[in-house]
Amino acid sequence: MDRITIRLPRQQIEMLEKLVAAGEFPTVSEAVRYAVRELVSKHGDRVMRESDQVTSLKI
């Protein structure tokens, strides 16, 4: 697994920590991974289609 560094507002970090404390996620990292999976699942197909269209226009 690769590592990235992100900066978040304190309020968002505190909310992530509360989700962990409440038992929703085992770690803050897992909560962020979950959020990224949801984002990619929701928007990934559209972005890939648009990317393929741009690529085919350049050929």
PDB file of N, CA and C in Angstrom:
ATOM      1  N   MET A   1       0.844  -1.165   0.000  1.00  0.00           N
ATOM      2  CA  MET A   1       0.000   0.000   0.000  1.00  0.00           C
ATOM      3  C   MET A   1       0.895   1.236   0.000  1.00  0.00           C
ATOM      4  N   ASP A   2       0.544   2.202  -0.834  1.00  0.00           N
ATOM      5  CA  ASP A   2       1.309   3.455  -0.889  1.00  0.00           C
ATOM      6  C   ASP A   2       0.793   4.434   0.152  1.00  0.00           C
ATOM      7  N   ARG A   3       1.583   5.457   0.389  1.00  0.00           N
ATOM      8  CA  ARG A   3       1.233   6.470   1.379  1.00  0.00           C
ATOM      9  C   ARG A   3       1.117   7.820   0.688  1.00  0.00           C
ATOM     10  N   ILE A   4       0.112   8.600   1.092  1.00  0.00           N
ATOM     11  CA  ILE A   4      -0.006   9.980   0.662  1.00  0.00           C
ATOM     12  C   ILE A   4      -0.158  10.851   1.901  1.00  0.00           C
ATOM     13  N   THR A   5       0.146  12.110   1.758  1.00  0.00           N
ATOM     14  CA  THR A   5      -0.022  13.053   2.857  1.00  0.00           C
ATOM     15  C   THR A   5      -1.100  14.048   2.465  1.00  0.00           C
ATOM     16  N   ILE A   6      -2.046  14.288   3.366  1.00  0.00           N
ATOM     17  CA  ILE A   6      -3.083  15.281   3.111  1.00  0.00           C
ATOM     18  C   ILE A   6      -3.173  16.230   4.302  1.00  0.00           C
ATOM     19  N   ARG A   7      -3.684  17.396   4.038  1.00  0.00           N
ATOM     20  CA  ARG A   7      -3.932  18.369   5.104  1.00  0.00           C
ATOM     21  C   ARG A   7      -5.440  18.545   5.195  1.00  0.00           C
ATOM     22  N   LEU A   8      -5.966  18.454   6.404  1.00  0.00           N
ATOM     23  CA  LEU A   8      -7.394  18.607   6.646  1.00  0.00           C
ATOM     24  C   LEU A   8      -7.622  19.656   7.720  1.00  0.00           C
ATOM     25  N   PRO A   9      -8.760  20.312   7.662  1.00  0.00           N
ATOM     26  CA  PRO A   9      -9.093  21.238   8.752  1.00  0.00           C
ATOM     27  C   PRO A   9      -9.222  20.475  10.074  1.00  0.00           C
ATOM     28  N   ARG A  10      -8.867  21.116  11.157  1.00  0.00           N
ATOM     29  CA  ARG A  10      -8.916  20.506  12.488  1.00  0.00           C
ATOM     30  C   ARG A  10     -10.282  19.890  12.751  1.00  0.00           C
ATOM     31  N   GLN A  11     -11.354  20.567  12.361  1.00  0.00           N
ATOM     32  CA  GLN A  11     -12.711  20.067  12.604  1.00  0.00           C
ATOM     33  C   GLN A  11     -12.934  18.703  11.944  1.00  0.00           C
ATOM     34  N   GLN A  12     -12.421  18.512  10.732  1.00  0.00           N
ATOM     35  CA  GLN A  12     -12.579  17.234  10.050  1.00  0.00           C
ATOM     36  C   GLN A  12     -11.752  16.142  10.723  1.00  0.00           C
ATOM     37  N   ILE A  13     -10.574  16.483  11.174  1.00  0.00           N
ATOM     38  CA  ILE A  13      -9.737  15.511  11.883  1.00  0.00           C
ATOM     39  C   ILE A  13     -10.420  15.082  13.176  1.00  0.00           C
ATOM     40  N   GLU A  14     -10.962  16.047  13.896  1.00  0.00           N
ATOM     41  CA  GLU A  14     -11.660  15.714  15.140  1.00  0.00           C
ATOM     42  C   GLU A  14     -12.858  14.814  14.873  1.00  0.00           C
ATOM     43  N   MET A  15     -13.578  15.056  13.790  1.00  0.00           N
ATOM     44  CA  MET A  15     -14.722  14.206  13.459  1.00  0.00           C
ATOM     45  C   MET A  15     -14.256  12.796  13.116  1.00  0.00           C
ATOM     46  N   LEU A  16     -13.174  12.678  12.378  1.00  0.00           N
ATOM     47  CA  LEU A  16     -12.628  11.355  12.074  1.00  0.00           C
ATOM     48  C   LEU A  16     -12.243  10.628  13.364  1.00  0.00           C
ATOM     49  N   GLU A  17     -11.607  11.342  14.275  1.00  0.00           N
ATOM     50  CA  GLU A  17     -11.218  10.744  15.553  1.00  0.00           C
ATOM     51  C   GLU A  17     -12.436  10.313  16.359  1.00  0.00           C
ATOM     52  N   LYS A  18     -13.512  11.085  16.302  1.00  0.00           N
ATOM     53  CA  LYS A  18     -14.750  10.712  17.000  1.00  0.00           C
ATOM     54  C   LYS A  18     -15.375   9.465  16.380  1.00  0.00           C
ATOM     55  N   LEU A  19     -15.312   9.351  15.054  1.00  0.00           N
ATOM     56  CA  LEU A  19     -15.821   8.148  14.396  1.00  0.00           C
ATOM     57  C   LEU A  19     -15.047   6.909  14.857  1.00  0.00           C
ATOM     58  N   VAL A  20     -13.745   7.065  15.013  1.00  0.00           N
ATOM     59  CA  VAL A  20     -12.914   5.959  15.508  1.00  0.00           C
ATOM     60  C   VAL A  20     -13.278   5.650  16.961  1.00  0.00           C
ATOM     61  N   ALA A  21     -13.393   6.670  17.782  1.00  0.00           N
ATOM     62  CA  ALA A  21     -13.725   6.478  19.200  1.00  0.00           C
ATOM     63  C   ALA A  21     -15.098   5.826  19.369  1.00  0.00           C
ATOM     64  N   ALA A  22     -16.009   6.120  18.445  1.00  0.00           N
ATOM     65  CA  ALA A  22     -17.355   5.542  18.515  1.00  0.00           C
ATOM     66  C   ALA A  22     -17.394   4.115  17.969  1.00  0.00           C
ATOM     67  N   GLY A  23     -16.267   3.641  17.437  1.00  0.00           N
ATOM     68  CA  GLY A  23     -16.212   2.276  16.930  1.00  0.00           C
ATOM     69  C   GLY A  23     -16.667   2.119  15.488  1.00  0.00           C
ATOM     70  N   GLU A  24     -16.866   3.237  14.796  1.00  0.00           N
ATOM     71  CA  GLU A  24     -17.293   3.154  13.394  1.00  0.00           C
ATOM     72  C   GLU A  24     -16.175   2.636  12.493  1.00  0.00           C
ATOM     73  N   PHE A  25     -14.941   2.965  12.836  1.00  0.00           N
ATOM     74  CA  PHE A  25     -13.767   2.536  12.077  1.00  0.00           C
ATOM     75  C   PHE A  25     -12.667   2.188  13.065  1.00  0.00           C
ATOM     76  N   PRO A  26     -11.780   1.263  12.688  1.00  0.00           N
ATOM     77  CA  PRO A  26     -10.706   0.895  13.616  1.00  0.00           C
ATOM     78  C   PRO A  26      -9.629   1.972  13.739  1.00  0.00           C
ATOM     79  N   THR A  27      -9.417   2.741  12.670  1.00  0.00           N
ATOM     80  CA  THR A  27      -8.401   3.794  12.673  1.00  0.00           C
ATOM     81  C   THR A  27      -8.869   4.962  11.804  1.00  0.00           C
ATOM     82  N   VAL A  28      -8.225   6.105  11.988  1.00  0.00           N
ATOM     83  CA  VAL A  28      -8.510   7.257  11.137  1.00  0.00           C
ATOM     84  C   VAL A  28      -8.142   6.915   9.690  1.00  0.00           C
ATOM     85  N   SER A  29      -7.037   6.229   9.488  1.00  0.00           N
ATOM     86  CA  SER A  29      -6.632   5.852   8.132  1.00  0.00           C
ATOM     87  C   SER A  29      -7.708   5.023   7.444  1.00  0.00           C
ATOM     88  N   GLU A  30      -8.301   4.082   8.167  1.00  0.00           N
ATOM     89  CA  GLU A  30      -9.348   3.253   7.567  1.00  0.00           C
ATOM     90  C   GLU A  30     -10.575   4.097   7.235  1.00  0.00           C
ATOM     91  N   ALA A  31     -10.897   5.078   8.054  1.00  0.00           N
ATOM     92  CA  ALA A  31     -12.022   5.969   7.765  1.00  0.00           C
ATOM     93  C   ALA A  31     -11.752   6.760   6.491  1.00  0.00           C
ATOM     94  N   VAL A  32     -10.534   7.234   6.314  1.00  0.00           N
ATOM     95  CA  VAL A  32     -10.181   7.978   5.106  1.00  0.00           C
ATOM     96  C   VAL A  32     -10.206   7.055   3.899  1.00  0.00           C
ATOM     97  N   ARG A  33      -9.679   5.830   4.034  1.00  0.00           N
ATOM     98  CA  ARG A  33      -9.727   4.873   2.923  1.00  0.00           C
ATOM     99  C   ARG A  33     -11.165   4.589   2.516  1.00  0.00           C
ATOM    100  N   TYR A  34     -12.052   4.450   3.487  1.00  0.00           N
ATOM    101  CA  TYR A  34     -13.472   4.228   3.205  1.00  0.00           C
ATOM    102  C   TYR A  34     -14.034   5.403   2.399  1.00  0.00           C
ATOM    103  N   ALA A  35     -13.723   6.620   2.820  1.00  0.00           N
ATOM    104  CA  ALA A  35     -14.233   7.810   2.133  1.00  0.00           C
ATOM    105  C   ALA A  35     -13.715   7.868   0.697  1.00  0.00           C
ATOM    106  N   VAL A  36     -12.457   7.526   0.498  1.00  0.00           N
ATOM    107  CA  VAL A  36     -11.879   7.536  -0.845  1.00  0.00           C
ATOM    108  C   VAL A  36     -12.538   6.461  -1.704  1.00  0.00           C
ATOM    109  N   ARG A  37     -12.751   5.275  -1.147  1.00  0.00           N
ATOM    110  CA  ARG A  37     -13.437   4.210  -1.914  1.00  0.00           C
ATOM    111  C   ARG A  37     -14.816   4.660  -2.350  1.00  0.00           C
ATOM    112  N   GLU A  38     -15.546   5.322  -1.457  1.00  0.00           N
ATOM    113  CA  GLU A  38     -16.888   5.817  -1.791  1.00  0.00           C
ATOM    114  C   GLU A  38     -16.817   6.859  -2.908  1.00  0.00           C
ATOM    115  N   LEU A  39     -15.875   7.764  -2.821  1.00  0.00           N
ATOM    116  CA  LEU A  39     -15.708   8.803  -3.833  1.00  0.00           C
ATOM    117  C   LEU A  39     -15.383   8.188  -5.192  1.00  0.00           C
ATOM    118  N   VAL A  40     -14.441   7.267  -5.221  1.00  0.00           N
ATOM    119  CA  VAL A  40     -14.050   6.626  -6.471  1.00  0.00           C
ATOM    120  C   VAL A  40     -15.205   5.800  -7.032  1.00  0.00           C
ATOM    121  N   SER A  41     -15.915   5.110  -6.164  1.00  0.00           N
ATOM    122  CA  SER A  41     -17.054   4.315  -6.602  1.00  0.00           C
ATOM    123  C   SER A  41     -18.139   5.202  -7.215  1.00  0.00           C
ATOM    124  N   LYS A  42     -18.367   6.346  -6.615  1.00  0.00           N
ATOM    125  CA  LYS A  42     -19.431   7.236  -7.078  1.00  0.00           C
ATOM    126  C   LYS A  42     -19.056   7.984  -8.352  1.00  0.00           C
ATOM    127  N   HIS A  43     -17.813   8.401  -8.483  1.00  0.00           N
ATOM    128  CA  HIS A  43     -17.419   9.275  -9.587  1.00  0.00           C
ATOM    129  C   HIS A  43     -16.415   8.662 -10.559  1.00  0.00           C
ATOM    130  N   GLY A  44     -15.837   7.541 -10.225  1.00  0.00           N
ATOM    131  CA  GLY A  44     -14.765   6.963 -11.025  1.00  0.00           C
ATOM    132  C   GLY A  44     -15.157   6.616 -12.443  1.00  0.00           C
ATOM    133  N   ASP A  45     -16.320   5.986 -12.622  1.00  0.00           N
ATOM    134  CA  ASP A  45     -16.737   5.581 -13.970  1.00  0.00           C
ATOM    135  C   ASP A  45     -16.890   6.787 -14.883  1.00  0.00           C
ATOM    136  N   ARG A  46     -17.525   7.828 -14.392  1.00  0.00           N
ATOM    137  CA  ARG A  46     -17.731   9.028 -15.203  1.00  0.00           C
ATOM    138  C   ARG A  46     -16.396   9.660 -15.584  1.00  0.00           C
ATOM    139  N   VAL A  47     -15.509   9.755 -14.637  1.00  0.00           N
ATOM    140  CA  VAL A  47     -14.206  10.359 -14.904  1.00  0.00           C
ATOM    141  C   VAL A  47     -13.442   9.531 -15.930  1.00  0.00           C
ATOM    142  N   MET A  48     -13.489   8.223 -15.807  1.00  0.00           N
ATOM    143  CA  MET A  48     -12.798   7.358 -16.764  1.00  0.00           C
ATOM    144  C   MET A  48     -13.389   7.516 -18.164  1.00  0.00           C
ATOM    145  N   ARG A  49     -14.716   7.585 -18.266  1.00  0.00           N
ATOM    146  CA  ARG A  49     -15.357   7.771 -19.571  1.00  0.00           C
ATOM    147  C   ARG A  49     -14.919   9.096 -20.186  1.00  0.00           C
ATOM    148  N   GLU A  50     -14.943  10.155 -19.400  1.00  0.00           N
ATOM    149  CA  GLU A  50     -14.541  11.467 -19.906  1.00  0.00           C
ATOM    150  C   GLU A  50     -13.075  11.466 -20.299  1.00  0.00           C
ATOM    151  N   SER A  51     -12.247  10.785 -19.539  1.00  0.00           N
ATOM    152  CA  SER A  51     -10.829  10.693 -19.847  1.00  0.00           C
ATOM    153  C   SER A  51     -10.624   9.940 -21.158  1.00  0.00           C
ATOM    154  N   ASP A  52     -11.371   8.857 -21.367  1.00  0.00           N
ATOM    155  CA  ASP A  52     -11.278   8.086 -22.603  1.00  0.00           C
ATOM    156  C   ASP A  52     -11.723   8.923 -23.796  1.00  0.00           C
ATOM    157  N   GLN A  53     -12.747   9.757 -23.615  1.00  0.00           N
ATOM    158  CA  GLN A  53     -13.221  10.615 -24.693  1.00  0.00           C
ATOM    159  C   GLN A  53     -12.157  11.643 -25.064  1.00  0.00           C
ATOM    160  N   VAL A  54     -11.513  12.218 -24.089  1.00  0.00           N
ATOM    161  CA  VAL A  54     -10.461  13.203 -24.349  1.00  0.00           C
ATOM    162  C   VAL A  54      -9.308  12.534 -25.071  1.00  0.00           C
ATOM    163  N   THR A  55      -8.932  11.343 -24.639  1.00  0.00           N
ATOM    164  CA  THR A  55      -7.841  10.615 -25.265  1.00  0.00           C
ATOM    165  C   THR A  55      -8.173  10.291 -26.722  1.00  0.00           C
ATOM    166  N   SER A  56      -9.404   9.840 -26.985  1.00  0.00           N
ATOM    167  CA  SER A  56      -9.773   9.470 -28.356  1.00  0.00           C
ATOM    168  C   SER A  56      -9.830  10.692 -29.252  1.00  0.00           C
ATOM    169  N   LEU A  57     -10.104  11.879 -28.716  1.00  0.00           N
ATOM    170  CA  LEU A  57     -10.113  13.094 -29.529  1.00  0.00           C
ATOM    171  C   LEU A  57      -8.701  13.503 -29.940  1.00  0.00           C
ATOM    172  N   LYS A  58      -7.718  13.164 -29.118  1.00  0.00           N
ATOM    173  CA  LYS A  58      -6.336  13.546 -29.392  1.00  0.00           C
ATOM    174  C   LYS A  58      -5.691  12.629 -30.431  1.00  0.00           C
ATOM    175  N   ILE A  59      -6.237  11.437 -30.610  1.00  0.00           N
ATOM    176  CA  ILE A  59      -5.604  10.456 -31.519  1.00  0.00           C
ATOM    177  C   ILE A  59      -5.838  10.811 -32.954  1.00  0.00           C
TER     178      ILE A  59
END
